[in-house]
């Protein structure tokens, strides 16, 4: 029985297809992420990490291959069903926090839950619980501009987990922070992921951070090893 939370098989992706400038980014890439597993995705800049994450998170479609979440092939589903899967099963964290500046930390975590049909009272309770888990409950009513870079990224982590996804996809989640803050914030992310039983695929070029995860995949010449 296939119990992988995320499975990619035979993924291929090219840009500028059919032109002299065609660039083959992914070639027969394959991976499996098991429940509760935190996997590092390591590659140099421009090697296709972001493309792979976008395909895994159903933000982009491969030219070939399949993407399965919780055992269901998502590759050719209609847009409506792919959108529902992104909302319910996938959480995203990027290098920059992308918080909505006009809303407080609490509101930034509440909003995706409201969009998913959760009652405001319940959404606020979950948001406060998540903020407490990352150690910034006292900052709930502050807007992003009043938060430090590390605090902003902690809020982004909470927002990504607001709808209790099965898989977290993170693209250089601490790459925008200084080394000391990066180390602390990454530790918080690992505690949050492990504490919620989440699976995660985290792209990083930082080998010290990669070593703190369960295992490491390298993206080389469009393939995963």
N, C-alpha and C. Protein backbone atom coordinates (compact mmCIF):
# COMPACT_ATOMS: atom_id res chain seq x y z
N UNK A 1 0.84 -1.19 0.00
CA UNK A 1 0.00 0.00 0.00
C UNK A 1 0.88 1.24 0.00
N UNK A 2 0.55 2.21 -0.83
CA UNK A 2 1.34 3.42 -0.93
C UNK A 2 0.87 4.42 0.11
N UNK A 3 1.71 4.67 1.12
CA UNK A 3 1.30 5.59 2.17
C UNK A 3 2.04 6.92 2.08
N UNK A 4 2.69 7.20 0.96
CA UNK A 4 3.42 8.45 0.80
C UNK A 4 2.44 9.62 0.81
N UNK A 5 2.82 10.68 1.52
CA UNK A 5 2.02 11.91 1.51
C UNK A 5 2.18 12.61 0.17
N UNK A 6 3.41 12.62 -0.34
CA UNK A 6 3.71 13.23 -1.63
C UNK A 6 4.55 12.27 -2.45
N UNK A 7 4.15 12.07 -3.70
CA UNK A 7 4.94 11.21 -4.59
C UNK A 7 4.99 11.84 -5.98
N UNK A 8 6.20 12.01 -6.49
CA UNK A 8 6.43 12.49 -7.85
C UNK A 8 7.11 11.40 -8.63
N UNK A 9 6.64 11.14 -9.85
CA UNK A 9 7.23 10.11 -10.71
C UNK A 9 7.42 10.65 -12.12
N UNK A 10 8.63 10.48 -12.64
CA UNK A 10 8.91 10.81 -14.03
C UNK A 10 8.66 12.25 -14.40
N UNK A 11 8.91 13.17 -13.49
CA UNK A 11 8.60 14.58 -13.74
C UNK A 11 9.60 15.20 -14.71
N UNK A 12 9.06 15.79 -15.77
CA UNK A 12 9.88 16.53 -16.74
C UNK A 12 9.28 17.91 -16.94
N UNK A 13 10.14 18.90 -17.09
CA UNK A 13 9.67 20.27 -17.31
C UNK A 13 10.73 21.03 -18.09
N UNK A 14 10.27 21.68 -19.17
CA UNK A 14 11.16 22.51 -19.98
C UNK A 14 10.53 23.87 -20.17
N UNK A 15 11.36 24.88 -20.29
CA UNK A 15 10.90 26.23 -20.60
C UNK A 15 11.34 26.59 -22.02
N UNK A 16 10.56 27.44 -22.66
CA UNK A 16 10.80 27.84 -24.06
C UNK A 16 10.81 26.61 -24.97
N UNK A 17 9.84 25.73 -24.72
CA UNK A 17 9.79 24.48 -25.47
C UNK A 17 9.67 24.72 -26.97
N UNK A 18 10.41 23.90 -27.73
CA UNK A 18 10.32 23.95 -29.18
C UNK A 18 11.03 25.13 -29.81
N UNK A 19 11.83 25.84 -29.02
CA UNK A 19 12.59 26.98 -29.54
C UNK A 19 14.08 26.70 -29.37
N UNK A 20 14.92 27.48 -30.07
CA UNK A 20 16.37 27.29 -29.89
C UNK A 20 16.83 27.56 -28.45
N UNK A 21 16.01 28.30 -27.70
CA UNK A 21 16.38 28.61 -26.32
C UNK A 21 15.77 27.66 -25.30
N UNK A 22 15.30 26.49 -25.75
CA UNK A 22 14.67 25.55 -24.82
C UNK A 22 15.63 25.15 -23.70
N UNK A 23 15.11 25.18 -22.47
CA UNK A 23 15.90 24.80 -21.30
C UNK A 23 15.17 23.67 -20.58
N UNK A 24 15.83 22.52 -20.48
CA UNK A 24 15.25 21.37 -19.77
C UNK A 24 15.61 21.49 -18.30
N UNK A 25 14.62 21.78 -17.47
CA UNK A 25 14.88 22.02 -16.05
C UNK A 25 14.80 20.73 -15.25
N UNK A 26 13.78 19.92 -15.51
CA UNK A 26 13.61 18.66 -14.79
C UNK A 26 13.55 17.51 -15.78
N UNK A 27 14.24 16.41 -15.43
CA UNK A 27 14.29 15.24 -16.31
C UNK A 27 14.02 13.98 -15.48
N UNK A 28 12.87 13.39 -15.64
CA UNK A 28 12.57 12.13 -14.97
C UNK A 28 12.81 12.21 -13.46
N UNK A 29 12.43 13.34 -12.85
CA UNK A 29 12.61 13.52 -11.41
C UNK A 29 11.56 12.72 -10.64
N UNK A 30 11.99 12.09 -9.56
CA UNK A 30 11.09 11.27 -8.75
C UNK A 30 11.44 11.40 -7.28
N UNK A 31 10.40 11.42 -6.44
CA UNK A 31 10.62 11.45 -4.99
C UNK A 31 9.38 10.97 -4.27
N UNK A 32 9.58 10.56 -3.01
CA UNK A 32 8.49 10.18 -2.12
C UNK A 32 8.76 10.81 -0.76
N UNK A 33 7.73 11.40 -0.16
CA UNK A 33 7.83 11.92 1.20
C UNK A 33 6.80 11.18 2.04
N UNK A 34 7.26 10.52 3.08
CA UNK A 34 6.40 9.71 3.93
C UNK A 34 5.78 10.54 5.05
N UNK A 35 4.73 10.06 5.68
CA UNK A 35 4.10 10.80 6.78
C UNK A 35 5.10 11.11 7.89
N UNK A 36 5.12 12.37 8.31
CA UNK A 36 5.99 12.80 9.40
C UNK A 36 7.43 13.01 9.01
N UNK A 37 7.77 12.85 7.75
CA UNK A 37 9.16 12.96 7.29
C UNK A 37 9.47 14.38 6.84
N UNK A 38 10.67 14.86 7.19
CA UNK A 38 11.13 16.18 6.75
C UNK A 38 12.33 15.97 5.83
N UNK A 39 12.17 16.35 4.57
CA UNK A 39 13.17 16.07 3.54
C UNK A 39 13.77 17.38 3.04
N UNK A 40 15.09 17.42 2.97
CA UNK A 40 15.78 18.59 2.42
C UNK A 40 15.95 18.41 0.91
N UNK A 41 15.74 19.49 0.18
CA UNK A 41 15.96 19.52 -1.26
C UNK A 41 17.08 20.51 -1.52
N UNK A 42 18.24 19.99 -1.97
CA UNK A 42 19.44 20.80 -2.10
C UNK A 42 19.84 20.91 -3.57
N UNK A 43 20.15 22.13 -3.99
CA UNK A 43 20.64 22.36 -5.35
C UNK A 43 21.12 23.80 -5.44
N UNK A 44 22.01 24.08 -6.38
CA UNK A 44 22.44 25.47 -6.57
C UNK A 44 21.31 26.32 -7.11
N UNK A 45 21.45 27.63 -7.00
CA UNK A 45 20.45 28.54 -7.55
C UNK A 45 20.31 28.30 -9.04
N UNK A 46 19.06 28.30 -9.52
CA UNK A 46 18.80 28.12 -10.94
C UNK A 46 18.73 26.68 -11.39
N UNK A 47 18.86 25.73 -10.45
CA UNK A 47 18.87 24.32 -10.83
C UNK A 47 17.47 23.72 -10.96
N UNK A 48 16.44 24.46 -10.51
CA UNK A 48 15.08 23.97 -10.68
C UNK A 48 14.34 23.62 -9.39
N UNK A 49 14.91 24.03 -8.23
CA UNK A 49 14.24 23.72 -6.96
C UNK A 49 12.85 24.33 -6.90
N UNK A 50 12.73 25.61 -7.25
CA UNK A 50 11.43 26.28 -7.17
C UNK A 50 10.44 25.66 -8.15
N UNK A 51 10.91 25.31 -9.34
CA UNK A 51 10.04 24.66 -10.32
C UNK A 51 9.51 23.35 -9.78
N UNK A 52 10.38 22.56 -9.16
CA UNK A 52 9.96 21.29 -8.59
C UNK A 52 8.93 21.49 -7.49
N UNK A 53 9.15 22.48 -6.62
CA UNK A 53 8.20 22.75 -5.54
C UNK A 53 6.87 23.22 -6.09
N UNK A 54 6.89 24.05 -7.12
CA UNK A 54 5.64 24.52 -7.70
C UNK A 54 4.85 23.38 -8.32
N UNK A 55 5.54 22.45 -8.93
CA UNK A 55 4.86 21.28 -9.49
C UNK A 55 4.32 20.39 -8.37
N UNK A 56 5.13 20.18 -7.32
CA UNK A 56 4.69 19.35 -6.20
C UNK A 56 3.49 19.96 -5.49
N UNK A 57 3.44 21.30 -5.46
CA UNK A 57 2.34 21.99 -4.79
C UNK A 57 1.18 22.35 -5.68
N UNK A 58 1.18 21.81 -6.91
CA UNK A 58 0.07 21.99 -7.85
C UNK A 58 -0.10 23.43 -8.32
N UNK A 59 0.97 24.21 -8.23
CA UNK A 59 0.96 25.57 -8.78
C UNK A 59 1.38 25.57 -10.25
N UNK A 60 1.98 24.48 -10.68
CA UNK A 60 2.42 24.35 -12.07
C UNK A 60 2.20 22.89 -12.47
N UNK A 61 2.16 22.64 -13.76
CA UNK A 61 1.97 21.26 -14.24
C UNK A 61 3.22 20.81 -14.98
N UNK A 62 3.60 19.54 -14.84
CA UNK A 62 4.77 19.03 -15.56
C UNK A 62 4.46 18.76 -17.02
N UNK A 63 5.49 18.71 -17.83
CA UNK A 63 5.31 18.30 -19.22
C UNK A 63 5.08 16.80 -19.30
N UNK A 64 5.64 16.07 -18.34
CA UNK A 64 5.45 14.62 -18.27
C UNK A 64 5.57 14.21 -16.81
N UNK A 65 4.99 13.06 -16.49
CA UNK A 65 5.08 12.55 -15.14
C UNK A 65 3.82 12.80 -14.33
N UNK A 66 3.83 12.31 -13.08
CA UNK A 66 2.64 12.40 -12.23
C UNK A 66 2.99 12.95 -10.85
N UNK A 67 2.00 13.62 -10.25
CA UNK A 67 2.09 14.14 -8.89
C UNK A 67 0.93 13.56 -8.10
N UNK A 68 1.24 12.85 -7.02
CA UNK A 68 0.19 12.28 -6.17
C UNK A 68 0.33 12.83 -4.75
N UNK A 69 -0.80 13.22 -4.17
CA UNK A 69 -0.86 13.65 -2.78
C UNK A 69 -1.84 12.73 -2.06
N UNK A 70 -1.37 12.16 -0.95
CA UNK A 70 -2.18 11.21 -0.19
C UNK A 70 -2.67 10.06 -1.08
N UNK A 71 -1.85 9.65 -2.03
CA UNK A 71 -2.17 8.53 -2.89
C UNK A 71 -3.06 8.84 -4.07
N UNK A 72 -3.50 10.08 -4.21
CA UNK A 72 -4.37 10.45 -5.33
C UNK A 72 -3.59 11.21 -6.38
N UNK A 73 -3.68 10.76 -7.62
CA UNK A 73 -3.01 11.42 -8.72
C UNK A 73 -3.69 12.76 -8.99
N UNK A 74 -2.92 13.83 -8.83
CA UNK A 74 -3.45 15.18 -8.97
C UNK A 74 -3.10 15.82 -10.31
N UNK A 75 -2.32 15.12 -11.11
CA UNK A 75 -1.68 15.76 -12.26
C UNK A 75 -2.66 16.34 -13.26
N UNK A 76 -3.68 15.61 -13.61
CA UNK A 76 -4.59 16.05 -14.67
C UNK A 76 -5.99 16.41 -14.15
N UNK A 77 -6.10 16.64 -12.86
CA UNK A 77 -7.40 17.01 -12.32
C UNK A 77 -7.84 18.38 -12.83
N UNK A 78 -9.14 18.64 -12.86
CA UNK A 78 -9.61 19.98 -13.22
C UNK A 78 -9.09 21.03 -12.24
N UNK A 79 -9.01 22.26 -12.68
CA UNK A 79 -8.47 23.35 -11.86
C UNK A 79 -9.19 23.45 -10.52
N UNK A 80 -10.48 23.26 -10.51
CA UNK A 80 -11.25 23.39 -9.27
C UNK A 80 -10.78 22.40 -8.22
N UNK A 81 -10.54 21.16 -8.64
CA UNK A 81 -10.10 20.14 -7.69
C UNK A 81 -8.65 20.34 -7.27
N UNK A 82 -7.83 20.83 -8.19
CA UNK A 82 -6.44 21.13 -7.83
C UNK A 82 -6.38 22.29 -6.83
N UNK A 83 -7.23 23.27 -7.03
CA UNK A 83 -7.29 24.40 -6.09
C UNK A 83 -7.72 23.93 -4.71
N UNK A 84 -8.71 23.06 -4.65
CA UNK A 84 -9.18 22.53 -3.37
C UNK A 84 -8.08 21.73 -2.68
N UNK A 85 -7.31 20.97 -3.45
CA UNK A 85 -6.21 20.18 -2.87
C UNK A 85 -5.12 21.10 -2.33
N UNK A 86 -4.81 22.16 -3.07
CA UNK A 86 -3.81 23.12 -2.57
C UNK A 86 -4.27 23.74 -1.26
N UNK A 87 -5.54 24.08 -1.19
CA UNK A 87 -6.07 24.76 0.00
C UNK A 87 -6.10 23.84 1.21
N UNK A 88 -6.43 22.57 0.98
CA UNK A 88 -6.64 21.64 2.09
C UNK A 88 -5.41 20.82 2.46
N UNK A 89 -4.58 20.49 1.49
CA UNK A 89 -3.53 19.50 1.72
C UNK A 89 -2.11 20.05 1.69
N UNK A 90 -1.93 21.27 1.16
CA UNK A 90 -0.58 21.79 0.94
C UNK A 90 -0.41 23.14 1.64
N UNK A 91 0.71 23.29 2.34
CA UNK A 91 1.08 24.58 2.91
C UNK A 91 2.36 25.07 2.25
N UNK A 92 2.44 26.37 1.99
CA UNK A 92 3.61 26.94 1.33
C UNK A 92 4.30 27.97 2.22
N UNK A 93 5.63 27.94 2.21
CA UNK A 93 6.44 28.98 2.85
C UNK A 93 7.52 29.38 1.85
N UNK A 94 7.69 30.69 1.69
CA UNK A 94 8.69 31.19 0.75
C UNK A 94 9.80 31.93 1.48
N UNK A 95 10.82 32.32 0.74
CA UNK A 95 11.95 33.04 1.33
C UNK A 95 11.50 34.37 1.94
N UNK A 96 10.59 35.06 1.25
CA UNK A 96 10.01 36.28 1.77
C UNK A 96 8.62 35.96 2.30
N UNK A 97 8.23 36.58 3.40
CA UNK A 97 7.03 36.14 4.12
C UNK A 97 5.71 36.35 3.37
N UNK A 98 5.61 37.38 2.52
CA UNK A 98 4.39 37.66 1.75
C UNK A 98 3.15 37.83 2.64
N UNK A 99 3.34 38.37 3.84
CA UNK A 99 2.18 38.66 4.69
C UNK A 99 1.43 39.87 4.15
N UNK A 100 0.14 39.93 4.41
CA UNK A 100 -0.67 41.08 3.99
C UNK A 100 -0.42 42.22 4.97
N UNK A 101 0.14 43.34 4.50
CA UNK A 101 0.62 44.39 5.41
C UNK A 101 -0.47 45.10 6.20
N UNK A 102 -1.70 45.11 5.67
CA UNK A 102 -2.77 45.85 6.34
C UNK A 102 -3.46 45.04 7.44
N UNK A 103 -3.07 43.77 7.58
CA UNK A 103 -3.68 42.91 8.59
C UNK A 103 -2.66 42.54 9.67
N UNK A 104 -3.16 42.25 10.87
CA UNK A 104 -2.30 41.84 11.97
C UNK A 104 -1.78 40.42 11.74
N UNK A 105 -0.83 40.03 12.59
CA UNK A 105 -0.31 38.67 12.52
C UNK A 105 -1.45 37.66 12.67
N UNK A 106 -2.31 37.90 13.66
CA UNK A 106 -3.44 37.00 13.89
C UNK A 106 -4.34 36.93 12.65
N UNK A 107 -4.67 38.08 12.09
CA UNK A 107 -5.57 38.13 10.93
C UNK A 107 -4.96 37.43 9.72
N UNK A 108 -3.65 37.53 9.55
CA UNK A 108 -3.00 36.87 8.43
C UNK A 108 -3.16 35.35 8.51
N UNK A 109 -3.26 34.83 9.73
CA UNK A 109 -3.44 33.39 9.92
C UNK A 109 -4.91 33.00 9.87
N UNK A 110 -5.77 33.91 10.28
CA UNK A 110 -7.21 33.66 10.27
C UNK A 110 -7.78 33.64 8.85
N UNK A 111 -7.31 34.54 7.99
CA UNK A 111 -7.92 34.72 6.67
C UNK A 111 -7.97 33.44 5.83
N UNK A 112 -6.87 32.67 5.71
CA UNK A 112 -6.99 31.45 4.90
C UNK A 112 -7.97 30.43 5.47
N UNK A 113 -8.16 30.48 6.77
CA UNK A 113 -9.13 29.57 7.39
C UNK A 113 -10.57 30.01 7.06
N UNK A 114 -10.82 31.31 7.09
CA UNK A 114 -12.15 31.81 6.72
C UNK A 114 -12.47 31.44 5.28
N UNK A 115 -11.45 31.54 4.41
CA UNK A 115 -11.64 31.18 3.00
C UNK A 115 -11.94 29.70 2.84
N UNK A 116 -11.57 28.92 3.85
CA UNK A 116 -11.81 27.47 3.81
C UNK A 116 -13.07 27.08 4.56
N UNK A 117 -13.88 28.09 4.97
CA UNK A 117 -15.16 27.81 5.60
C UNK A 117 -15.13 27.62 7.10
N UNK A 118 -13.99 27.93 7.74
CA UNK A 118 -13.88 27.79 9.19
C UNK A 118 -14.53 28.99 9.87
N UNK A 119 -15.25 28.76 10.98
CA UNK A 119 -15.86 29.86 11.72
C UNK A 119 -14.78 30.75 12.32
N UNK A 120 -15.05 32.06 12.36
CA UNK A 120 -14.05 33.01 12.83
C UNK A 120 -13.54 32.66 14.23
N UNK A 121 -14.44 32.31 15.13
CA UNK A 121 -14.03 31.99 16.50
C UNK A 121 -13.02 30.84 16.51
N UNK A 122 -13.31 29.82 15.73
CA UNK A 122 -12.41 28.67 15.68
C UNK A 122 -11.10 29.03 14.99
N UNK A 123 -11.21 29.85 13.95
CA UNK A 123 -10.01 30.27 13.21
C UNK A 123 -9.09 31.10 14.10
N UNK A 124 -9.66 31.98 14.90
CA UNK A 124 -8.84 32.80 15.79
C UNK A 124 -8.20 31.94 16.88
N UNK A 125 -8.93 30.95 17.38
CA UNK A 125 -8.37 30.06 18.40
C UNK A 125 -7.18 29.28 17.84
N UNK A 126 -7.30 28.78 16.61
CA UNK A 126 -6.19 28.04 16.00
C UNK A 126 -5.02 28.98 15.75
N UNK A 127 -5.30 30.20 15.28
CA UNK A 127 -4.23 31.16 15.01
C UNK A 127 -3.45 31.47 16.29
N UNK A 128 -4.15 31.67 17.38
CA UNK A 128 -3.47 31.97 18.65
C UNK A 128 -2.65 30.77 19.13
N UNK A 129 -3.19 29.57 18.93
CA UNK A 129 -2.45 28.37 19.31
C UNK A 129 -1.15 28.26 18.51
N UNK A 130 -1.23 28.49 17.20
CA UNK A 130 -0.04 28.40 16.36
C UNK A 130 0.99 29.48 16.73
N UNK A 131 0.53 30.69 16.98
CA UNK A 131 1.45 31.76 17.38
C UNK A 131 2.12 31.42 18.71
N UNK A 132 1.38 30.79 19.60
CA UNK A 132 1.97 30.35 20.86
C UNK A 132 3.04 29.29 20.65
N UNK A 133 2.80 28.39 19.70
CA UNK A 133 3.76 27.32 19.42
C UNK A 133 5.09 27.87 18.92
N UNK A 134 5.05 29.00 18.18
CA UNK A 134 6.29 29.57 17.66
C UNK A 134 6.82 30.71 18.54
N UNK A 135 6.20 30.89 19.70
CA UNK A 135 6.75 31.80 20.69
C UNK A 135 6.47 33.27 20.51
N UNK A 136 5.44 33.62 19.72
CA UNK A 136 5.16 35.04 19.52
C UNK A 136 3.67 35.35 19.73
N UNK A 137 3.07 34.69 20.69
CA UNK A 137 1.66 34.95 21.00
C UNK A 137 1.42 36.41 21.35
N UNK A 138 2.40 37.03 21.99
CA UNK A 138 2.24 38.43 22.41
C UNK A 138 2.25 39.39 21.23
N UNK A 139 2.61 38.92 20.06
CA UNK A 139 2.70 39.79 18.87
C UNK A 139 1.48 39.63 17.96
N UNK A 140 0.45 38.95 18.44
CA UNK A 140 -0.71 38.62 17.61
C UNK A 140 -1.36 39.84 16.98
N UNK A 141 -1.40 40.96 17.70
CA UNK A 141 -2.11 42.14 17.21
C UNK A 141 -1.21 43.14 16.50
N UNK A 142 0.01 42.76 16.21
CA UNK A 142 0.94 43.63 15.49
C UNK A 142 0.86 43.36 13.99
N UNK A 143 0.97 44.41 13.22
CA UNK A 143 1.04 44.26 11.77
C UNK A 143 2.46 43.89 11.36
N UNK A 144 2.64 43.33 10.16
CA UNK A 144 3.96 42.87 9.74
C UNK A 144 5.07 43.92 9.87
N UNK A 145 4.77 45.18 9.57
CA UNK A 145 5.79 46.22 9.62
C UNK A 145 6.34 46.42 11.03
N UNK A 146 5.58 46.02 12.05
CA UNK A 146 6.01 46.17 13.44
C UNK A 146 6.72 44.91 13.96
N UNK A 147 6.90 43.93 13.11
CA UNK A 147 7.55 42.68 13.50
C UNK A 147 8.96 42.61 12.93
N UNK A 148 9.84 41.90 13.61
CA UNK A 148 11.18 41.67 13.08
C UNK A 148 11.10 40.66 11.93
N UNK A 149 12.20 40.52 11.18
CA UNK A 149 12.21 39.57 10.08
C UNK A 149 11.93 38.15 10.54
N UNK A 150 12.52 37.77 11.68
CA UNK A 150 12.28 36.43 12.20
C UNK A 150 10.85 36.23 12.64
N UNK A 151 10.26 37.27 13.23
CA UNK A 151 8.86 37.17 13.65
C UNK A 151 7.93 37.09 12.45
N UNK A 152 8.23 37.86 11.42
CA UNK A 152 7.41 37.82 10.20
C UNK A 152 7.41 36.41 9.61
N UNK A 153 8.58 35.79 9.58
CA UNK A 153 8.65 34.46 8.99
C UNK A 153 7.95 33.42 9.87
N UNK A 154 7.98 33.62 11.18
CA UNK A 154 7.23 32.73 12.07
C UNK A 154 5.73 32.82 11.79
N UNK A 155 5.25 34.03 11.56
CA UNK A 155 3.84 34.20 11.22
C UNK A 155 3.53 33.50 9.89
N UNK A 156 4.46 33.60 8.94
CA UNK A 156 4.28 32.93 7.65
C UNK A 156 4.20 31.42 7.84
N UNK A 157 5.00 30.87 8.76
CA UNK A 157 4.92 29.44 9.04
C UNK A 157 3.51 29.09 9.56
N UNK A 158 3.03 29.91 10.49
CA UNK A 158 1.71 29.65 11.08
C UNK A 158 0.62 29.73 10.02
N UNK A 159 0.72 30.71 9.14
CA UNK A 159 -0.27 30.84 8.08
C UNK A 159 -0.26 29.61 7.18
N UNK A 160 0.93 29.09 6.88
CA UNK A 160 1.03 27.91 6.02
C UNK A 160 0.38 26.69 6.65
N UNK A 161 0.38 26.65 8.00
CA UNK A 161 -0.19 25.51 8.71
C UNK A 161 -1.64 25.74 9.16
N UNK A 162 -2.19 26.91 8.83
CA UNK A 162 -3.50 27.30 9.36
C UNK A 162 -4.59 26.28 9.03
N UNK A 163 -4.59 25.75 7.81
CA UNK A 163 -5.64 24.82 7.39
C UNK A 163 -5.25 23.36 7.58
N UNK A 164 -4.24 23.13 8.46
CA UNK A 164 -3.81 21.76 8.79
C UNK A 164 -3.51 20.92 7.56
N UNK A 165 -2.55 21.37 6.73
CA UNK A 165 -2.21 20.61 5.52
C UNK A 165 -1.51 19.31 5.86
N UNK A 166 -1.39 18.42 4.86
CA UNK A 166 -0.66 17.17 5.05
C UNK A 166 0.82 17.34 4.72
N UNK A 167 1.13 18.27 3.81
CA UNK A 167 2.51 18.45 3.38
C UNK A 167 2.84 19.94 3.37
N UNK A 168 4.02 20.29 3.89
CA UNK A 168 4.52 21.65 3.85
C UNK A 168 5.63 21.72 2.82
N UNK A 169 5.54 22.67 1.90
CA UNK A 169 6.58 22.92 0.90
C UNK A 169 7.21 24.27 1.21
N UNK A 170 8.51 24.29 1.40
CA UNK A 170 9.18 25.53 1.78
C UNK A 170 10.36 25.79 0.85
N UNK A 171 10.43 26.99 0.32
CA UNK A 171 11.47 27.38 -0.64
C UNK A 171 12.41 28.37 0.02
N UNK A 172 13.56 27.88 0.47
CA UNK A 172 14.55 28.71 1.18
C UNK A 172 13.87 29.53 2.28
N UNK A 173 13.19 28.89 3.23
CA UNK A 173 12.35 29.61 4.17
C UNK A 173 13.08 30.56 5.12
N UNK A 174 14.41 30.38 5.27
CA UNK A 174 15.16 31.30 6.13
C UNK A 174 16.24 32.04 5.34
N UNK A 175 16.17 31.97 4.02
CA UNK A 175 17.21 32.55 3.19
C UNK A 175 17.27 34.06 3.23
N UNK A 176 16.22 34.70 3.73
CA UNK A 176 16.17 36.16 3.77
C UNK A 176 16.62 36.71 5.14
N UNK A 177 17.09 35.81 6.02
CA UNK A 177 17.44 36.20 7.38
C UNK A 177 18.95 36.11 7.61
N UNK A 178 19.45 36.85 8.59
CA UNK A 178 20.86 36.75 8.94
C UNK A 178 21.12 35.37 9.54
N UNK A 179 22.39 34.90 9.56
CA UNK A 179 22.68 33.52 9.98
C UNK A 179 22.15 33.16 11.36
N UNK A 180 22.31 34.04 12.34
CA UNK A 180 21.86 33.72 13.69
C UNK A 180 20.35 33.58 13.76
N UNK A 181 19.65 34.53 13.14
CA UNK A 181 18.19 34.48 13.13
C UNK A 181 17.71 33.28 12.33
N UNK A 182 18.39 33.00 11.21
CA UNK A 182 18.03 31.86 10.37
C UNK A 182 18.08 30.57 11.16
N UNK A 183 19.13 30.39 11.95
CA UNK A 183 19.29 29.17 12.73
C UNK A 183 18.16 29.02 13.75
N UNK A 184 17.83 30.13 14.42
CA UNK A 184 16.77 30.10 15.44
C UNK A 184 15.41 29.84 14.80
N UNK A 185 15.12 30.55 13.72
CA UNK A 185 13.82 30.43 13.07
C UNK A 185 13.66 29.04 12.45
N UNK A 186 14.73 28.50 11.89
CA UNK A 186 14.64 27.15 11.33
C UNK A 186 14.36 26.13 12.42
N UNK A 187 14.99 26.31 13.58
CA UNK A 187 14.71 25.43 14.71
C UNK A 187 13.24 25.47 15.09
N UNK A 188 12.67 26.68 15.05
CA UNK A 188 11.24 26.84 15.35
C UNK A 188 10.40 26.10 14.33
N UNK A 189 10.77 26.21 13.05
CA UNK A 189 10.03 25.52 12.00
C UNK A 189 10.08 24.01 12.20
N UNK A 190 11.25 23.48 12.53
CA UNK A 190 11.37 22.04 12.74
C UNK A 190 10.52 21.58 13.93
N UNK A 191 10.51 22.36 15.00
CA UNK A 191 9.68 22.01 16.16
C UNK A 191 8.20 22.03 15.79
N UNK A 192 7.81 23.02 15.00
CA UNK A 192 6.42 23.16 14.59
C UNK A 192 6.00 21.98 13.71
N UNK A 193 6.85 21.63 12.75
CA UNK A 193 6.54 20.52 11.84
C UNK A 193 6.47 19.21 12.60
N UNK A 194 7.46 18.95 13.42
CA UNK A 194 7.49 17.69 14.16
C UNK A 194 6.36 17.63 15.20
N UNK A 195 6.05 18.79 15.80
CA UNK A 195 5.01 18.82 16.82
C UNK A 195 3.62 18.60 16.28
N UNK A 196 3.42 18.85 14.99
CA UNK A 196 2.11 18.67 14.38
C UNK A 196 2.04 17.39 13.53
N UNK A 197 3.14 16.64 13.46
CA UNK A 197 3.15 15.41 12.68
C UNK A 197 3.11 15.63 11.19
N UNK A 198 3.50 16.83 10.77
CA UNK A 198 3.45 17.21 9.36
C UNK A 198 4.60 16.59 8.58
N UNK A 199 4.42 16.42 7.28
CA UNK A 199 5.51 16.08 6.38
C UNK A 199 5.97 17.36 5.71
N UNK A 200 7.25 17.42 5.33
CA UNK A 200 7.76 18.65 4.73
C UNK A 200 8.84 18.35 3.71
N UNK A 201 8.85 19.16 2.65
CA UNK A 201 9.91 19.16 1.65
C UNK A 201 10.45 20.58 1.63
N UNK A 202 11.69 20.74 2.06
CA UNK A 202 12.25 22.07 2.29
C UNK A 202 13.48 22.28 1.42
N UNK A 203 13.39 23.24 0.50
CA UNK A 203 14.51 23.57 -0.38
C UNK A 203 15.46 24.50 0.35
N UNK A 204 16.74 24.20 0.29
CA UNK A 204 17.75 25.04 0.92
C UNK A 204 19.09 24.84 0.23
N UNK A 205 19.93 25.86 0.28
CA UNK A 205 21.31 25.69 -0.18
C UNK A 205 22.25 25.58 1.02
N UNK A 206 21.66 25.65 2.24
CA UNK A 206 22.43 25.62 3.48
C UNK A 206 22.57 24.17 3.95
N UNK A 207 23.78 23.62 3.81
CA UNK A 207 23.98 22.21 4.13
C UNK A 207 23.86 21.94 5.63
N UNK A 208 24.15 22.95 6.45
CA UNK A 208 24.00 22.77 7.90
C UNK A 208 22.53 22.59 8.26
N UNK A 209 21.65 23.34 7.61
CA UNK A 209 20.22 23.18 7.85
C UNK A 209 19.74 21.85 7.29
N UNK A 210 20.22 21.49 6.11
CA UNK A 210 19.82 20.22 5.49
C UNK A 210 20.16 19.04 6.40
N UNK A 211 21.29 19.13 7.09
CA UNK A 211 21.73 18.04 7.95
C UNK A 211 20.81 17.83 9.14
N UNK A 212 19.99 18.83 9.46
CA UNK A 212 19.07 18.72 10.60
C UNK A 212 17.75 18.05 10.20
N UNK A 213 17.59 17.76 8.93
CA UNK A 213 16.37 17.10 8.46
C UNK A 213 16.57 15.59 8.39
N UNK A 214 15.51 14.86 8.08
CA UNK A 214 15.57 13.39 8.11
C UNK A 214 16.46 12.83 7.01
N UNK A 215 16.42 13.43 5.84
CA UNK A 215 17.29 13.01 4.74
C UNK A 215 17.37 14.13 3.71
N UNK A 216 18.31 13.99 2.79
CA UNK A 216 18.57 15.04 1.81
C UNK A 216 18.48 14.49 0.38
N UNK A 217 17.77 15.21 -0.47
CA UNK A 217 17.74 14.92 -1.90
C UNK A 217 18.52 16.01 -2.63
N UNK A 218 19.32 15.62 -3.59
CA UNK A 218 20.07 16.58 -4.40
C UNK A 218 19.46 16.63 -5.80
N UNK A 219 19.26 17.84 -6.28
CA UNK A 219 18.77 18.04 -7.64
C UNK A 219 19.97 18.34 -8.53
N UNK A 220 20.29 17.41 -9.41
CA UNK A 220 21.46 17.54 -10.28
C UNK A 220 21.07 17.19 -11.70
N UNK A 221 21.33 18.12 -12.61
CA UNK A 221 21.02 17.89 -14.02
C UNK A 221 19.57 17.48 -14.24
N UNK A 222 18.68 18.06 -13.43
CA UNK A 222 17.25 17.84 -13.60
C UNK A 222 16.72 16.59 -12.94
N UNK A 223 17.61 15.81 -12.30
CA UNK A 223 17.19 14.57 -11.63
C UNK A 223 17.48 14.64 -10.15
N UNK A 224 16.73 13.86 -9.38
CA UNK A 224 16.89 13.83 -7.92
C UNK A 224 17.69 12.60 -7.52
N UNK A 225 18.64 12.83 -6.61
CA UNK A 225 19.47 11.71 -6.12
C UNK A 225 19.58 11.80 -4.61
